[in-house]
Structure formats: structure tokens, C-alpha cells
C-alpha atoms as a PDB file:
ATOM      1  CA  MET A   1     -50.768-121.689 -18.368  1.00  0.00           C
ATOM      2  CA  SER A   2     -49.369-125.163 -18.202  1.00  0.00           C
ATOM      3  CA  THR A   3     -51.200-128.433 -19.121  1.00  0.00           C
ATOM      4  CA  TYR A   4     -50.913-131.053 -16.605  1.00  0.00           C
ATOM      5  CA  TYR A   5     -51.898-135.117 -17.109  1.00  0.00           C
ATOM      6  CA  CYS A   6     -53.507-136.701 -14.094  1.00  0.00           C
ATOM      7  CA  TYR A   7     -53.855-140.160 -13.503  1.00  0.00           C
ATOM      8  CA  TYR A   8     -56.473-142.235 -11.495  1.00  0.00           C
ATOM      9  CA  ILE A   9     -57.225-145.570 -10.689  1.00  0.00           C
ATOM     10  CA  GLY A  10     -60.601-147.127 -11.989  1.00  0.00           C
ATOM     11  CA  TYR A  11     -62.075-150.401 -13.161  1.00  0.00           C
ATOM     12  CA  ILE A  12     -64.627-150.909 -15.573  1.00  0.00           C
ATOM     13  CA  GLU A  13     -67.563-153.705 -15.538  1.00  0.00           C
ATOM     14  CA  ASP A  14     -70.503-154.413 -18.049  1.00  0.00           C
ATOM     15  CA  ASP A  15     -69.035-151.278 -20.097  1.00  0.00           C
ATOM     16  CA  LYS A  16     -69.174-148.996 -17.213  1.00  0.00           C
ATOM     17  CA  ILE A  17     -66.686-146.893 -15.725  1.00  0.00           C
ATOM     18  CA  TYR A  18     -66.208-146.621 -12.249  1.00  0.00           C
ATOM     19  CA  PRO A  19     -63.654-144.426  -9.792  1.00  0.00           C
ATOM     20  CA  LEU A  20     -61.511-146.127  -7.399  1.00  0.00           C
ATOM     21  CA  GLY A  21     -58.939-143.638  -6.082  1.00  0.00           C
ATOM     22  CA  MET A  22     -57.152-142.994  -4.617  1.00  0.00           C
ATOM     23  CA  TYR A  23     -58.643-140.510  -2.028  1.00  0.00           C
ATOM     24  CA  ASN A  24     -57.051-138.403   0.428  1.00  0.00           C
ATOM     25  CA  ASN A  25     -58.080-138.162   4.132  1.00  0.00           C
ATOM     26  CA  LYS A  26     -60.637-136.011   3.171  1.00  0.00           C
ATOM     27  CA  GLY A  27     -62.316-137.901   0.596  1.00  0.00           C
ATOM     28  CA  LYS A  28     -60.989-135.970  -2.066  1.00  0.00           C
ATOM     29  CA  MET A  29     -59.873-138.264  -5.114  1.00  0.00           C
ATOM     30  CA  VAL A  30     -56.368-137.302  -6.184  1.00  0.00           C
ATOM     31  CA  PRO A  31     -53.802-138.466  -9.001  1.00  0.00           C
ATOM     32  CA  VAL A  32     -51.411-140.837  -8.513  1.00  0.00           C
ATOM     33  CA  ILE A  33     -49.524-139.408 -10.986  1.00  0.00           C
ATOM     34  CA  GLU A  34     -49.995-135.269 -11.803  1.00  0.00           C
ATOM     35  CA  ASP A  35     -46.988-134.058 -14.097  1.00  0.00           C
ATOM     36  CA  SER A  36     -46.744-130.925 -16.396  1.00  0.00           C
ATOM     37  CA  ARG A  37     -47.078-131.160 -20.208  1.00  0.00           C
ATOM     38  CA  SER A  38     -42.895-130.139 -19.809  1.00  0.00           C
ATOM     39  CA  PHE A  39     -42.096-132.908 -17.705  1.00  0.00           C
ATOM     40  CA  ALA A  40     -44.788-135.671 -18.379  1.00  0.00           C
ATOM     41  CA  SER A  41     -44.039-138.911 -20.566  1.00  0.00           C
ATOM     42  CA  ASP A  42     -45.915-139.843 -23.751  1.00  0.00           C
ATOM     43  CA  LEU A  43     -47.821-142.295 -22.099  1.00  0.00           C
ATOM     44  CA  TRP A  44     -51.006-140.278 -22.250  1.00  0.00           C
ATOM     45  CA  GLU A  45     -50.729-141.250 -26.116  1.00  0.00           C
ATOM     46  CA  MET A  46     -52.106-144.627 -25.364  1.00  0.00           C
ATOM     47  CA  PHE A  47     -55.576-143.761 -23.891  1.00  0.00           C
ATOM     48  CA  ASP A  48     -59.208-143.981 -25.012  1.00  0.00           C
ATOM     49  CA  CYS A  49     -61.919-141.488 -24.326  1.00  0.00           C
ATOM     50  CA  VAL A  50     -64.331-142.864 -21.901  1.00  0.00           C
ATOM     51  CA  GLY A  51     -67.892-142.749 -24.094  1.00  0.00           C
ATOM     52  CA  ALA A  52     -71.125-141.028 -22.721  1.00  0.00           C
ATOM     53  CA  ASN A  53     -72.556-144.272 -21.895  1.00  0.00           C
ATOM     54  CA  GLN A  54     -69.916-145.519 -20.029  1.00  0.00           C
ATOM     55  CA  PHE A  55     -70.107-142.788 -17.282  1.00  0.00           C
ATOM     56  CA  SER A  56     -71.343-144.451 -14.075  1.00  0.00           C
ATOM     57  CA  GLU A  57     -72.730-142.180 -11.488  1.00  0.00           C
ATOM     58  CA  GLU A  58     -69.944-142.537  -9.539  1.00  0.00           C
ATOM     59  CA  LEU A  59     -67.720-141.311 -12.236  1.00  0.00           C
ATOM     60  CA  GLU A  60     -69.730-138.323 -13.270  1.00  0.00           C
ATOM     61  CA  LYS A  61     -69.566-137.260  -9.310  1.00  0.00           C
ATOM     62  CA  GLU A  62     -65.710-137.243  -9.483  1.00  0.00           C
ATOM     63  CA  PHE A  63     -64.977-135.735 -12.845  1.00  0.00           C
ATOM     64  CA  SER A  64     -67.730-133.126 -13.518  1.00  0.00           C
ATOM     65  CA  TYR A  65     -68.484-129.578 -12.524  1.00  0.00           C
ATOM     66  CA  THR A  66     -71.095-126.986 -12.314  1.00  0.00           C
ATOM     67  CA  VAL A  67     -71.552-124.395 -15.173  1.00  0.00           C
ATOM     68  CA  TYR A  68     -73.761-121.251 -14.734  1.00  0.00           C
ATOM     69  CA  GLY A  69     -74.900-122.256 -11.453  1.00  0.00           C
ATOM     70  CA  THR A  70     -76.934-125.548 -11.884  1.00  0.00           C
ATOM     71  CA  ASP A  71     -75.899-127.306 -15.378  1.00  0.00           C
ATOM     72  CA  ARG A  72     -73.235-129.549 -15.251  1.00  0.00           C
ATOM     73  CA  GLU A  73     -70.429-130.579 -17.279  1.00  0.00           C
ATOM     74  CA  ARG A  74     -68.372-133.571 -17.720  1.00  0.00           C
ATOM     75  CA  GLU A  75     -64.344-133.499 -17.849  1.00  0.00           C
ATOM     76  CA  HIS A  76     -62.830-135.071 -20.787  1.00  0.00           C
ATOM     77  CA  VAL A  77     -61.715-138.301 -19.386  1.00  0.00           C
ATOM     78  CA  ARG A  78     -59.642-141.311 -20.942  1.00  0.00           C
ATOM     79  CA  TYR A  79     -58.853-144.329 -19.733  1.00  0.00           C
ATOM     80  CA  LEU A  80     -56.435-147.890 -20.181  1.00  0.00           C
ATOM     81  CA  LYS A  81     -56.789-151.344 -18.807  1.00  0.00           C
ATOM     82  CA  VAL A  82     -54.105-151.654 -16.832  1.00  0.00           C
ATOM     83  CA  LYS A  83     -53.109-154.891 -18.844  1.00  0.00           C
ATOM     84  CA  ASP A  84     -52.353-152.751 -22.125  1.00  0.00           C
ATOM     85  CA  LEU A  85     -49.991-150.475 -19.651  1.00  0.00           C
ATOM     86  CA  PRO A  86     -46.207-150.995 -21.425  1.00  0.00           C
ATOM     87  CA  LYS A  87     -44.249-153.688 -19.871  1.00  0.00           C
ATOM     88  CA  GLU A  88     -40.787-152.873 -21.203  1.00  0.00           C
ATOM     89  CA  SER A  89     -37.994-151.781 -18.446  1.00  0.00           C
ATOM     90  CA  TYR A  90     -37.326-148.283 -17.612  1.00  0.00           C
ATOM     91  CA  ILE A  91     -33.493-149.148 -16.825  1.00  0.00           C
ATOM     92  CA  LYS A  92     -31.557-147.844 -19.384  1.00  0.00           C
ATOM     93  CA  LYS A  93     -28.628-149.647 -19.785  1.00  0.00           C
ATOM     94  CA  GLY A  94     -25.406-148.983 -22.273  1.00  0.00           C
ATOM     95  CA  TYR A  95     -22.393-147.789 -22.362  1.00  0.00           C
ATOM     96  CA  PHE A  96     -21.948-143.781 -21.308  1.00  0.00           C
ATOM     97  CA  LEU A  97     -19.449-141.256 -21.412  1.00  0.00           C
ATOM     98  CA  ILE A  98     -17.626-141.035 -17.626  1.00  0.00           C
ATOM     99  CA  SER A  99     -18.112-137.475 -17.168  1.00  0.00           C
ATOM    100  CA  ASP A 100     -21.718-137.526 -18.343  1.00  0.00           C
ATOM    101  CA  ILE A 101     -22.404-140.604 -15.666  1.00  0.00           C
ATOM    102  CA  GLU A 102     -20.643-138.387 -13.209  1.00  0.00           C
ATOM    103  CA  ARG A 103     -22.478-135.274 -14.066  1.00  0.00           C
ATOM    104  CA  TYR A 104     -25.763-137.307 -13.520  1.00  0.00           C
ATOM    105  CA  GLU A 105     -24.429-138.827 -10.368  1.00  0.00           C
ATOM    106  CA  ASN A 106     -24.059-135.201  -8.480  1.00  0.00           C
ATOM    107  CA  ASP A 107     -26.251-132.785 -10.756  1.00  0.00           C
ATOM    108  CA  ASP A 108     -29.776-131.706 -10.262  1.00  0.00           C
ATOM    109  CA  PRO A 109     -32.425-134.641 -10.359  1.00  0.00           C
ATOM    110  CA  TYR A 110     -34.498-132.804 -12.356  1.00  0.00           C
ATOM    111  CA  ASP A 111     -32.395-132.016 -15.446  1.00  0.00           C
ATOM    112  CA  ASP A 112     -33.395-133.861 -18.712  1.00  0.00           C
ATOM    113  CA  ILE A 113     -32.046-137.337 -18.687  1.00  0.00           C
ATOM    114  CA  SER A 114     -32.225-137.230 -22.175  1.00  0.00           C
ATOM    115  CA  ASP A 115     -29.533-134.048 -22.591  1.00  0.00           C
ATOM    116  CA  ILE A 116     -27.503-135.411 -19.877  1.00  0.00           C
ATOM    117  CA  PHE A 117     -27.166-139.080 -21.909  1.00  0.00           C
ATOM    118  CA  TYR A 118     -27.485-137.952 -25.508  1.00  0.00           C
ATOM    119  CA  GLU A 119     -24.004-139.280 -26.243  1.00  0.00           C
ATOM    120  CA  HIS A 120     -24.009-143.325 -25.650  1.00  0.00           C
ATOM    121  CA  LEU A 121     -23.295-147.232 -27.265  1.00  0.00           C
ATOM    122  CA  SER A 122     -25.012-150.209 -27.771  1.00  0.00           C
ATOM    123  CA  PRO A 123     -22.979-152.807 -26.326  1.00  0.00           C
ATOM    124  CA  VAL A 124     -22.566-154.009 -29.453  1.00  0.00           C
ATOM    125  CA  ALA A 125     -21.417-150.628 -30.876  1.00  0.00           C
ATOM    126  CA  TYR A 126     -18.864-150.273 -27.682  1.00  0.00           C
ATOM    127  CA  HIS A 127     -17.111-153.604 -28.528  1.00  0.00           C
ATOM    128  CA  ALA A 128     -16.954-152.844 -32.192  1.00  0.00           C
ATOM    129  CA  LYS A 129     -15.097-149.376 -31.218  1.00  0.00           C
ATOM    130  CA  PHE A 130     -12.793-151.177 -28.918  1.00  0.00           C
ATOM    131  CA  ASN A 131     -11.831-153.391 -31.198  1.00  0.00           C
ATOM    132  CA  SER A 132     -11.286-150.788 -33.712  1.00  0.00           C
ATOM    133  CA  GLU A 133      -9.121-148.848 -31.672  1.00  0.00           C
ATOM    134  CA  LEU A 134      -7.169-151.765 -30.630  1.00  0.00           C
ATOM    135  CA  VAL A 135      -6.015-152.084 -34.307  1.00  0.00           C
ATOM    136  CA  PHE A 136      -6.262-148.833 -35.701  1.00  0.00           C
ATOM    137  CA  GLY A 137      -5.574-146.662 -32.731  1.00  0.00           C
ATOM    138  CA  LYS A 138      -8.091-143.855 -31.112  1.00  0.00           C
ATOM    139  CA  PRO A 139      -9.782-141.817 -33.181  1.00  0.00           C
ATOM    140  CA  GLU A 140      -8.754-138.466 -34.639  1.00  0.00           C
ATOM    141  CA  PRO A 141     -11.152-135.050 -33.988  1.00  0.00           C
ATOM    142  CA  LYS A 142     -13.308-134.191 -36.897  1.00  0.00           C
ATOM    143  CA  ILE A 143     -14.172-131.089 -38.601  1.00  0.00           C
ATOM    144  CA  ASP A 144     -17.446-129.592 -39.220  1.00  0.00           C
ATOM    145  CA  CYS A 145     -18.676-128.100 -42.382  1.00  0.00           C
ATOM    146  CA  GLU A 146     -18.031-124.848 -40.826  1.00  0.00           C
ATOM    147  CA  GLY A 147     -14.349-125.494 -40.125  1.00  0.00           C
ATOM    148  CA  GLU A 148     -15.464-126.255 -36.057  1.00  0.00           C
ATOM    149  CA  GLU A 149     -13.591-129.214 -34.804  1.00  0.00           C
ATOM    150  CA  PHE A 150     -16.410-131.354 -32.686  1.00  0.00           C
ATOM    151  CA  PRO A 151     -15.566-134.098 -30.173  1.00  0.00           C
ATOM    152  CA  VAL A 152     -14.642-137.532 -30.962  1.00  0.00           C
ATOM    153  CA  TYR A 153     -14.671-139.750 -27.942  1.00  0.00           C
ATOM    154  CA  SER A 154     -12.586-143.089 -27.598  1.00  0.00           C
ATOM    155  CA  ALA A 155     -13.699-146.434 -25.959  1.00  0.00           C
ATOM    156  CA  GLY A 156     -11.797-145.371 -22.550  1.00  0.00           C
ATOM    157  CA  GLU A 157     -13.866-142.181 -22.286  1.00  0.00           C
ATOM    158  CA  TYR A 158     -17.318-144.454 -21.776  1.00  0.00           C
ATOM    159  CA  ALA A 159     -18.374-147.078 -19.073  1.00  0.00           C
ATOM    160  CA  TYR A 160     -20.955-149.580 -18.744  1.00  0.00           C
ATOM    161  CA  TYR A 161     -23.997-147.848 -16.397  1.00  0.00           C
ATOM    162  CA  ALA A 162     -27.461-148.577 -16.107  1.00  0.00           C
ATOM    163  CA  TYR A 163     -29.939-145.673 -14.960  1.00  0.00           C
ATOM    164  CA  PRO A 164     -33.680-145.307 -14.192  1.00  0.00           C
ATOM    165  CA  ASP A 165     -35.618-142.979 -16.955  1.00  0.00           C
ATOM    166  CA  LYS A 166     -38.342-141.256 -14.875  1.00  0.00           C
ATOM    167  CA  ARG A 167     -39.598-139.441 -17.675  1.00  0.00           C
ATOM    168  CA  SER A 168     -40.492-142.754 -19.532  1.00  0.00           C
ATOM    169  CA  ARG A 169     -43.638-144.214 -20.465  1.00  0.00           C
ATOM    170  CA  ALA A 170     -42.362-147.369 -19.193  1.00  0.00           C
ATOM    171  CA  TYR A 171     -41.141-145.415 -15.429  1.00  0.00           C
ATOM    172  CA  ASP A 172     -45.017-144.348 -15.488  1.00  0.00           C
ATOM    173  CA  ALA A 173     -46.671-147.476 -16.138  1.00  0.00           C
ATOM    174  CA  GLU A 174     -44.890-149.035 -13.708  1.00  0.00           C
ATOM    175  CA  LEU A 175     -45.778-146.978 -10.480  1.00  0.00           C
ATOM    176  CA  LEU A 176     -49.474-146.955 -12.140  1.00  0.00           C
ATOM    177  CA  ARG A 177     -49.359-150.586 -12.284  1.00  0.00           C
ATOM    178  CA  THR A 178     -48.073-150.755  -8.746  1.00  0.00           C
ATOM    179  CA  VAL A 179     -50.392-148.623  -7.257  1.00  0.00           C
ATOM    180  CA  ALA A 180     -53.409-150.470  -9.304  1.00  0.00           C
ATOM    181  CA  SER A 181     -52.169-153.653  -7.732  1.00  0.00           C
ATOM    182  CA  GLN A 182     -53.512-152.825  -4.313  1.00  0.00           C
ATOM    183  CA  PHE A 183     -56.807-152.481  -5.638  1.00  0.00           C
ATOM    184  CA  GLU A 184     -57.388-155.701  -7.044  1.00  0.00           C
ATOM    185  CA  SER A 185     -60.379-157.411  -5.419  1.00  0.00           C
ATOM    186  CA  TYR A 186     -60.821-161.442  -4.805  1.00  0.00           C
ATOM    187  CA  LYS A 187     -64.374-160.931  -3.501  1.00  0.00           C
ATOM    188  CA  VAL A 188     -67.237-162.801  -5.865  1.00  0.00           C
ATOM    189  CA  GLU A 189     -69.277-159.709  -6.049  1.00  0.00           C
ATOM    190  CA  ASP A 190     -66.084-158.419  -7.566  1.00  0.00           C
ATOM    191  CA  LYS A 191     -65.310-160.744 -10.314  1.00  0.00           C
ATOM    192  CA  GLY A 192     -65.667-159.753 -13.917  1.00  0.00           C
ATOM    193  CA  ARG A 193     -64.756-155.909 -13.062  1.00  0.00           C
ATOM    194  CA  GLU A 194     -61.348-154.748 -14.783  1.00  0.00           C
ATOM    195  CA  LEU A 195     -59.198-152.273 -13.424  1.00  0.00           C
ATOM    196  CA  VAL A 196     -58.163-149.388 -15.469  1.00  0.00           C
ATOM    197  CA  ILE A 197     -55.918-146.087 -15.351  1.00  0.00           C
ATOM    198  CA  LEU A 198     -58.360-142.956 -15.834  1.00  0.00           C
ATOM    199  CA  GLU A 199     -56.449-139.738 -17.464  1.00  0.00           C
ATOM    200  CA  VAL A 200     -57.640-136.134 -17.122  1.00  0.00           C
ATOM    201  CA  GLU A 201     -55.588-133.499 -18.981  1.00  0.00           C
ATOM    202  CA  ARG A 202     -56.039-129.810 -16.638  1.00  0.00           C
END
């Protein structure tokens, strides 16, 4: 059975953590992101456990369940302040094989991007390769230890490209930050609270 990482919005105030959303039309709290372990980013590694004394009554209601008829058991909830979410860009840029770019543009969007764009060069490495080929010519095929030929690509087979890495922690962080911003409150009574992301594994 697969593990799912579920992310919700909440806030912390006076060291107590409260849920904020999102909620569906039936009043049920639903995750902003819900990804199986196979497709999830490693964002979950950044979270800290919600301590027993940090559970508000509202959080207890959302993230606990009944066992043996009457007893309540808390889910293992973790949190990360929105301000601590990664801020790097999820747009990957560089020189990629033209054949891989075509594959990405025309292929199943659920393919593993890291497999598609495994072969790539930074702008500095690409220009060094380009200049080297102007002087010494295109590279010759190379032979591995078993005598098999493996491809060596010339500069002409690459093109500059940028794509969104939707399986990165940066992508998840940007999505969560955008949704959390909708819960920002400027009411006097809400001053002192800080938005957090709540994470639960199921």
C-alpha cells in the first residue's frame, strides 16, 4: 500500500497550531497537495513534528480518529512555517539534447523528468564544448570497459531550454506558498499568528 504525503494550511499562535484549510463544500478539510511516495518531492524532509502540547482543540478535531469505539488517537502531524519554505526556482534551465526536448514536448506528462533530461550541460560547459569543437572537431564515439560503444553528443545536438520541474520541492513550495497567501489576515485579532504548512503521511 502506497504512502501519501498530504499538505494543508494552518497557523501557529502562542505555540498552539490551528487548521485553516482548505475545506470542500461539505466542510471536510482537504489537502492542497496529495502525492504518493512514488511521485512526491522530498519537501516532507523539512518538516518538524507537532508536539503534544502544540495541538489546539481544532487541530485535534481535524487530525485524530476514534479507536476501539471511544478512544481518540492523533495522527502524526508535522509542520513548517510558510516563511521557511524553499525559495529557489522550480524552472530548470540549461542546454538539453534536442531529441529529449522533442520527447518532453510530445510525451506523456507523467514521465519522470529526471530521466528525460538526464543528459544536460550548464551554459558554461556548453560554450566550452562548442569552442572545443570549433578547434578540434566533433568528438569521436567512445568505448566502455566491455567494448560497447556509447554515444558522445556534439554541441549541435543541444539547445537552450527551460522547463518546470513539477516533482521538485521548489514547485511544491511555490504552490503551497501561493495557496497559503490566500489565508493571510490583516484583522487586529489575528495579529501575532504565523502561517504554517501541515504535513500528514497516510
